[in-house]
């Protein structure tokens, strides 16, 4: 019976906003960067910026 109260409290606390916020986080932090990396202009920009760096990053270039 205690578990039902805790579960109900959790759902009541976050309500319908939890899946919306979680979905937005996944969209902004996973899907958007991966989608941007598929655009050739973004790839060329990242290569140009990587060549201008005054230090070497292993695995890039």
PDB file of N, CA and C in Angstrom:
ATOM      1  N   UNK A   1       0.815  -1.190   0.000  1.00  0.00           N
ATOM      2  CA  UNK A   1       0.000   0.000   0.000  1.00  0.00           C
ATOM      3  C   UNK A   1       0.863   1.261   0.000  1.00  0.00           C
ATOM      4  N   UNK A   2       2.038   1.178   0.605  1.00  0.00           N
ATOM      5  CA  UNK A   2       2.951   2.328   0.620  1.00  0.00           C
ATOM      6  C   UNK A   2       3.454   2.600  -0.793  1.00  0.00           C
ATOM      7  N   UNK A   3       3.720   1.526  -1.551  1.00  0.00           N
ATOM      8  CA  UNK A   3       4.221   1.708  -2.914  1.00  0.00           C
ATOM      9  C   UNK A   3       3.215   2.467  -3.779  1.00  0.00           C
ATOM     10  N   UNK A   4       1.944   2.210  -3.610  1.00  0.00           N
ATOM     11  CA  UNK A   4       0.937   2.900  -4.405  1.00  0.00           C
ATOM     12  C   UNK A   4       0.931   4.395  -4.102  1.00  0.00           C
ATOM     13  N   UNK A   5       1.115   4.752  -2.852  1.00  0.00           N
ATOM     14  CA  UNK A   5       1.148   6.168  -2.496  1.00  0.00           C
ATOM     15  C   UNK A   5       2.374   6.843  -3.102  1.00  0.00           C
ATOM     16  N   UNK A   6       3.543   6.169  -3.048  1.00  0.00           N
ATOM     17  CA  UNK A   6       4.758   6.747  -3.628  1.00  0.00           C
ATOM     18  C   UNK A   6       4.615   6.887  -5.142  1.00  0.00           C
ATOM     19  N   UNK A   7       4.084   5.876  -5.769  1.00  0.00           N
ATOM     20  CA  UNK A   7       3.919   5.920  -7.212  1.00  0.00           C
ATOM     21  C   UNK A   7       2.917   7.016  -7.589  1.00  0.00           C
ATOM     22  N   UNK A   8       1.839   7.099  -6.854  1.00  0.00           N
ATOM     23  CA  UNK A   8       0.840   8.126  -7.135  1.00  0.00           C
ATOM     24  C   UNK A   8       1.439   9.514  -6.912  1.00  0.00           C
ATOM     25  N   UNK A   9       2.261   9.663  -5.869  1.00  0.00           N
ATOM     26  CA  UNK A   9       2.895  10.947  -5.600  1.00  0.00           C
ATOM     27  C   UNK A   9       3.849  11.344  -6.717  1.00  0.00           C
ATOM     28  N   UNK A  10       4.590  10.368  -7.228  1.00  0.00           N
ATOM     29  CA  UNK A  10       5.525  10.642  -8.311  1.00  0.00           C
ATOM     30  C   UNK A  10       4.784  11.091  -9.562  1.00  0.00           C
ATOM     31  N   UNK A  11       3.720  10.372  -9.916  1.00  0.00           N
ATOM     32  CA  UNK A  11       2.963  10.751 -11.102  1.00  0.00           C
ATOM     33  C   UNK A  11       2.260  12.093 -10.903  1.00  0.00           C
ATOM     34  N   UNK A  12       1.795  12.308  -9.697  1.00  0.00           N
ATOM     35  CA  UNK A  12       1.110  13.569  -9.428  1.00  0.00           C
ATOM     36  C   UNK A  12       2.090  14.735  -9.456  1.00  0.00           C
ATOM     37  N   UNK A  13       3.324  14.486  -8.993  1.00  0.00           N
ATOM     38  CA  UNK A  13       4.321  15.551  -8.937  1.00  0.00           C
ATOM     39  C   UNK A  13       4.718  16.002 -10.344  1.00  0.00           C
ATOM     40  N   UNK A  14       4.977  15.070 -11.225  1.00  0.00           N
ATOM     41  CA  UNK A  14       5.457  15.426 -12.565  1.00  0.00           C
ATOM     42  C   UNK A  14       4.342  15.455 -13.604  1.00  0.00           C
ATOM     43  N   UNK A  15       3.305  14.697 -13.391  1.00  0.00           N
ATOM     44  CA  UNK A  15       2.141  14.732 -14.258  1.00  0.00           C
ATOM     45  C   UNK A  15       2.449  14.484 -15.719  1.00  0.00           C
ATOM     46  N   UNK A  16       1.791  15.244 -16.573  1.00  0.00           N
ATOM     47  CA  UNK A  16       1.945  15.051 -18.015  1.00  0.00           C
ATOM     48  C   UNK A  16       3.203  15.700 -18.555  1.00  0.00           C
ATOM     49  N   UNK A  17       3.897  16.516 -17.760  1.00  0.00           N
ATOM     50  CA  UNK A  17       5.069  17.226 -18.261  1.00  0.00           C
ATOM     51  C   UNK A  17       6.307  16.355 -18.366  1.00  0.00           C
ATOM     52  N   UNK A  18       6.405  15.284 -17.603  1.00  0.00           N
ATOM     53  CA  UNK A  18       7.591  14.431 -17.618  1.00  0.00           C
ATOM     54  C   UNK A  18       7.874  13.849 -19.008  1.00  0.00           C
ATOM     55  N   UNK A  19       6.911  13.238 -19.688  1.00  0.00           N
ATOM     56  CA  UNK A  19       7.223  12.714 -21.016  1.00  0.00           C
ATOM     57  C   UNK A  19       7.511  13.812 -22.032  1.00  0.00           C
ATOM     58  N   UNK A  20       6.896  14.965 -21.869  1.00  0.00           N
ATOM     59  CA  UNK A  20       7.143  16.072 -22.802  1.00  0.00           C
ATOM     60  C   UNK A  20       8.567  16.587 -22.633  1.00  0.00           C
ATOM     61  N   UNK A  21       8.977  16.791 -21.386  1.00  0.00           N
ATOM     62  CA  UNK A  21      10.335  17.275 -21.119  1.00  0.00           C
ATOM     63  C   UNK A  21      11.360  16.224 -21.520  1.00  0.00           C
ATOM     64  N   UNK A  22      11.092  14.962 -21.233  1.00  0.00           N
ATOM     65  CA  UNK A  22      12.002  13.886 -21.624  1.00  0.00           C
ATOM     66  C   UNK A  22      12.134  13.776 -23.130  1.00  0.00           C
ATOM     67  N   UNK A  23      11.029  13.866 -23.835  1.00  0.00           N
ATOM     68  CA  UNK A  23      11.077  13.813 -25.303  1.00  0.00           C
ATOM     69  C   UNK A  23      11.816  14.994 -25.888  1.00  0.00           C
ATOM     70  N   UNK A  24      11.623  16.175 -25.311  1.00  0.00           N
ATOM     71  CA  UNK A  24      12.348  17.360 -25.793  1.00  0.00           C
ATOM     72  C   UNK A  24      13.838  17.216 -25.547  1.00  0.00           C
ATOM     73  N   UNK A  25      14.221  16.648 -24.401  1.00  0.00           N
ATOM     74  CA  UNK A  25      15.638  16.458 -24.093  1.00  0.00           C
ATOM     75  C   UNK A  25      16.270  15.512 -25.105  1.00  0.00           C
ATOM     76  N   UNK A  26      15.613  14.405 -25.385  1.00  0.00           N
ATOM     77  CA  UNK A  26      16.129  13.444 -26.353  1.00  0.00           C
ATOM     78  C   UNK A  26      16.248  14.094 -27.727  1.00  0.00           C
ATOM     79  N   UNK A  27      15.250  14.863 -28.124  1.00  0.00           N
ATOM     80  CA  UNK A  27      15.267  15.531 -29.420  1.00  0.00           C
ATOM     81  C   UNK A  27      16.433  16.507 -29.518  1.00  0.00           C
ATOM     82  N   UNK A  28      16.605  17.343 -28.516  1.00  0.00           N
ATOM     83  CA  UNK A  28      17.643  18.379 -28.568  1.00  0.00           C
ATOM     84  C   UNK A  28      19.052  17.832 -28.400  1.00  0.00           C
ATOM     85  N   UNK A  29      19.222  16.759 -27.651  1.00  0.00           N
ATOM     86  CA  UNK A  29      20.562  16.287 -27.334  1.00  0.00           C
ATOM     87  C   UNK A  29      21.020  15.072 -28.131  1.00  0.00           C
ATOM     88  N   UNK A  30      20.111  14.412 -28.810  1.00  0.00           N
ATOM     89  CA  UNK A  30      20.495  13.225 -29.585  1.00  0.00           C
ATOM     90  C   UNK A  30      20.138  13.381 -31.056  1.00  0.00           C
ATOM     91  N   UNK A  31      18.864  13.572 -31.357  1.00  0.00           N
ATOM     92  CA  UNK A  31      18.441  13.577 -32.751  1.00  0.00           C
ATOM     93  C   UNK A  31      18.894  14.826 -33.505  1.00  0.00           C
ATOM     94  N   UNK A  32      18.822  15.984 -32.902  1.00  0.00           N
ATOM     95  CA  UNK A  32      19.209  17.215 -33.591  1.00  0.00           C
ATOM     96  C   UNK A  32      20.695  17.231 -33.958  1.00  0.00           C
ATOM     97  N   UNK A  33      21.620  16.907 -33.046  1.00  0.00           N
ATOM     98  CA  UNK A  33      23.030  16.886 -33.452  1.00  0.00           C
ATOM     99  C   UNK A  33      23.322  15.847 -34.531  1.00  0.00           C
ATOM    100  N   UNK A  34      22.690  14.673 -34.430  1.00  0.00           N
ATOM    101  CA  UNK A  34      22.910  13.656 -35.457  1.00  0.00           C
ATOM    102  C   UNK A  34      22.357  14.103 -36.806  1.00  0.00           C
ATOM    103  N   UNK A  35      21.232  14.789 -36.800  1.00  0.00           N
ATOM    104  CA  UNK A  35      20.665  15.290 -38.052  1.00  0.00           C
ATOM    105  C   UNK A  35      21.559  16.382 -38.647  1.00  0.00           C
ATOM    106  N   UNK A  36      22.089  17.251 -37.803  1.00  0.00           N
ATOM    107  CA  UNK A  36      22.968  18.310 -38.302  1.00  0.00           C
ATOM    108  C   UNK A  36      24.250  17.743 -38.907  1.00  0.00           C
ATOM    109  N   UNK A  37      24.774  16.677 -38.334  1.00  0.00           N
ATOM    110  CA  UNK A  37      26.011  16.085 -38.851  1.00  0.00           C
ATOM    111  C   UNK A  37      25.837  15.456 -40.228  1.00  0.00           C
ATOM    112  N   UNK A  38      24.615  15.211 -40.645  1.00  0.00           N
ATOM    113  CA  UNK A  38      24.374  14.642 -41.978  1.00  0.00           C
ATOM    114  C   UNK A  38      24.321  15.702 -43.072  1.00  0.00           C
ATOM    115  N   UNK A  39      24.302  16.973 -42.705  1.00  0.00           N
ATOM    116  CA  UNK A  39      24.239  18.061 -43.679  1.00  0.00           C
ATOM    117  C   UNK A  39      25.654  18.380 -44.148  1.00  0.00           C
ATOM    118  N   UNK A  40      25.923  18.323 -45.454  1.00  0.00           N
ATOM    119  CA  UNK A  40      27.284  18.550 -45.958  1.00  0.00           C
ATOM    120  C   UNK A  40      27.861  19.913 -45.568  1.00  0.00           C
ATOM    121  N   UNK A  41      27.059  20.957 -45.535  1.00  0.00           N
ATOM    122  CA  UNK A  41      27.572  22.284 -45.170  1.00  0.00           C
ATOM    123  C   UNK A  41      28.076  22.294 -43.729  1.00  0.00           C
ATOM    124  N   UNK A  42      27.378  21.601 -42.863  1.00  0.00           N
ATOM    125  CA  UNK A  42      27.809  21.519 -41.458  1.00  0.00           C
ATOM    126  C   UNK A  42      29.098  20.715 -41.356  1.00  0.00           C
ATOM    127  N   UNK A  43      29.219  19.656 -42.138  1.00  0.00           N
ATOM    128  CA  UNK A  43      30.438  18.852 -42.138  1.00  0.00           C
ATOM    129  C   UNK A  43      31.627  19.679 -42.593  1.00  0.00           C
ATOM    130  N   UNK A  44      31.456  20.466 -43.667  1.00  0.00           N
ATOM    131  CA  UNK A  44      32.547  21.309 -44.163  1.00  0.00           C
ATOM    132  C   UNK A  44      32.937  22.364 -43.142  1.00  0.00           C
ATOM    133  N   UNK A  45      31.953  22.937 -42.447  1.00  0.00           N
ATOM    134  CA  UNK A  45      32.237  23.930 -41.420  1.00  0.00           C
ATOM    135  C   UNK A  45      33.047  23.323 -40.278  1.00  0.00           C
ATOM    136  N   UNK A  46      32.664  22.133 -39.844  1.00  0.00           N
ATOM    137  CA  UNK A  46      33.384  21.484 -38.743  1.00  0.00           C
ATOM    138  C   UNK A  46      34.809  21.129 -39.135  1.00  0.00           C
ATOM    139  N   UNK A  47      35.014  20.718 -40.374  1.00  0.00           N
ATOM    140  CA  UNK A  47      36.365  20.420 -40.848  1.00  0.00           C
ATOM    141  C   UNK A  47      37.196  21.695 -40.883  1.00  0.00           C
ATOM    142  N   UNK A  48      36.618  22.792 -41.363  1.00  0.00           N
ATOM    143  CA  UNK A  48      37.341  24.061 -41.427  1.00  0.00           C
ATOM    144  C   UNK A  48      37.704  24.553 -40.029  1.00  0.00           C
ATOM    145  N   UNK A  49      36.803  24.436 -39.100  1.00  0.00           N
ATOM    146  CA  UNK A  49      37.085  24.866 -37.722  1.00  0.00           C
ATOM    147  C   UNK A  49      38.151  23.966 -37.102  1.00  0.00           C
ATOM    148  N   UNK A  50      38.080  22.679 -37.386  1.00  0.00           N
ATOM    149  CA  UNK A  50      39.070  21.743 -36.853  1.00  0.00           C
ATOM    150  C   UNK A  50      40.472  22.014 -37.356  1.00  0.00           C
ATOM    151  N   UNK A  51      40.590  22.493 -38.608  1.00  0.00           N
ATOM    152  CA  UNK A  51      41.909  22.796 -39.166  1.00  0.00           C
ATOM    153  C   UNK A  51      42.490  24.079 -38.590  1.00  0.00           C
ATOM    154  N   UNK A  52      41.656  24.979 -38.105  1.00  0.00           N
ATOM    155  CA  UNK A  52      42.124  26.251 -37.566  1.00  0.00           C
ATOM    156  C   UNK A  52      42.549  26.162 -36.105  1.00  0.00           C
ATOM    157  N   UNK A  53      42.273  25.044 -35.455  1.00  0.00           N
ATOM    158  CA  UNK A  53      42.632  24.923 -34.049  1.00  0.00           C
ATOM    159  C   UNK A  53      44.155  24.892 -33.888  1.00  0.00           C
ATOM    160  N   UNK A  54      44.683  25.577 -32.874  1.00  0.00           N
ATOM    161  CA  UNK A  54      46.128  25.618 -32.684  1.00  0.00           C
ATOM    162  C   UNK A  54      46.686  24.358 -32.026  1.00  0.00           C
ATOM    163  N   UNK A  55      45.872  23.376 -31.766  1.00  0.00           N
ATOM    164  CA  UNK A  55      46.328  22.128 -31.143  1.00  0.00           C
ATOM    165  C   UNK A  55      45.706  20.946 -31.867  1.00  0.00           C
ATOM    166  N   UNK A  56      46.259  19.769 -31.632  1.00  0.00           N
ATOM    167  CA  UNK A  56      45.796  18.563 -32.316  1.00  0.00           C
ATOM    168  C   UNK A  56      44.888  17.764 -31.387  1.00  0.00           C
ATOM    169  N   UNK A  57      43.725  17.411 -31.888  1.00  0.00           N
ATOM    170  CA  UNK A  57      42.802  16.563 -31.139  1.00  0.00           C
ATOM    171  C   UNK A  57      42.888  15.154 -31.758  1.00  0.00           C
ATOM    172  N   UNK A  58      43.312  14.155 -30.978  1.00  0.00           N
ATOM    173  CA  UNK A  58      43.413  12.802 -31.534  1.00  0.00           C
ATOM    174  C   UNK A  58      42.069  12.303 -32.066  1.00  0.00           C
ATOM    175  N   UNK A  59      42.093  11.701 -33.228  1.00  0.00           N
ATOM    176  CA  UNK A  59      40.892  11.151 -33.821  1.00  0.00           C
ATOM    177  C   UNK A  59      40.167  12.119 -34.745  1.00  0.00           C
ATOM    178  N   UNK A  60      40.611  13.367 -34.814  1.00  0.00           N
ATOM    179  CA  UNK A  60      40.000  14.343 -35.718  1.00  0.00           C
ATOM    180  C   UNK A  60      41.035  14.751 -36.761  1.00  0.00           C
ATOM    181  N   UNK A  61      40.714  14.516 -37.998  1.00  0.00           N
ATOM    182  CA  UNK A  61      41.615  14.927 -39.071  1.00  0.00           C
ATOM    183  C   UNK A  61      42.689  13.951 -39.257  1.00  0.00           C
TER     184      UNK A  61
END
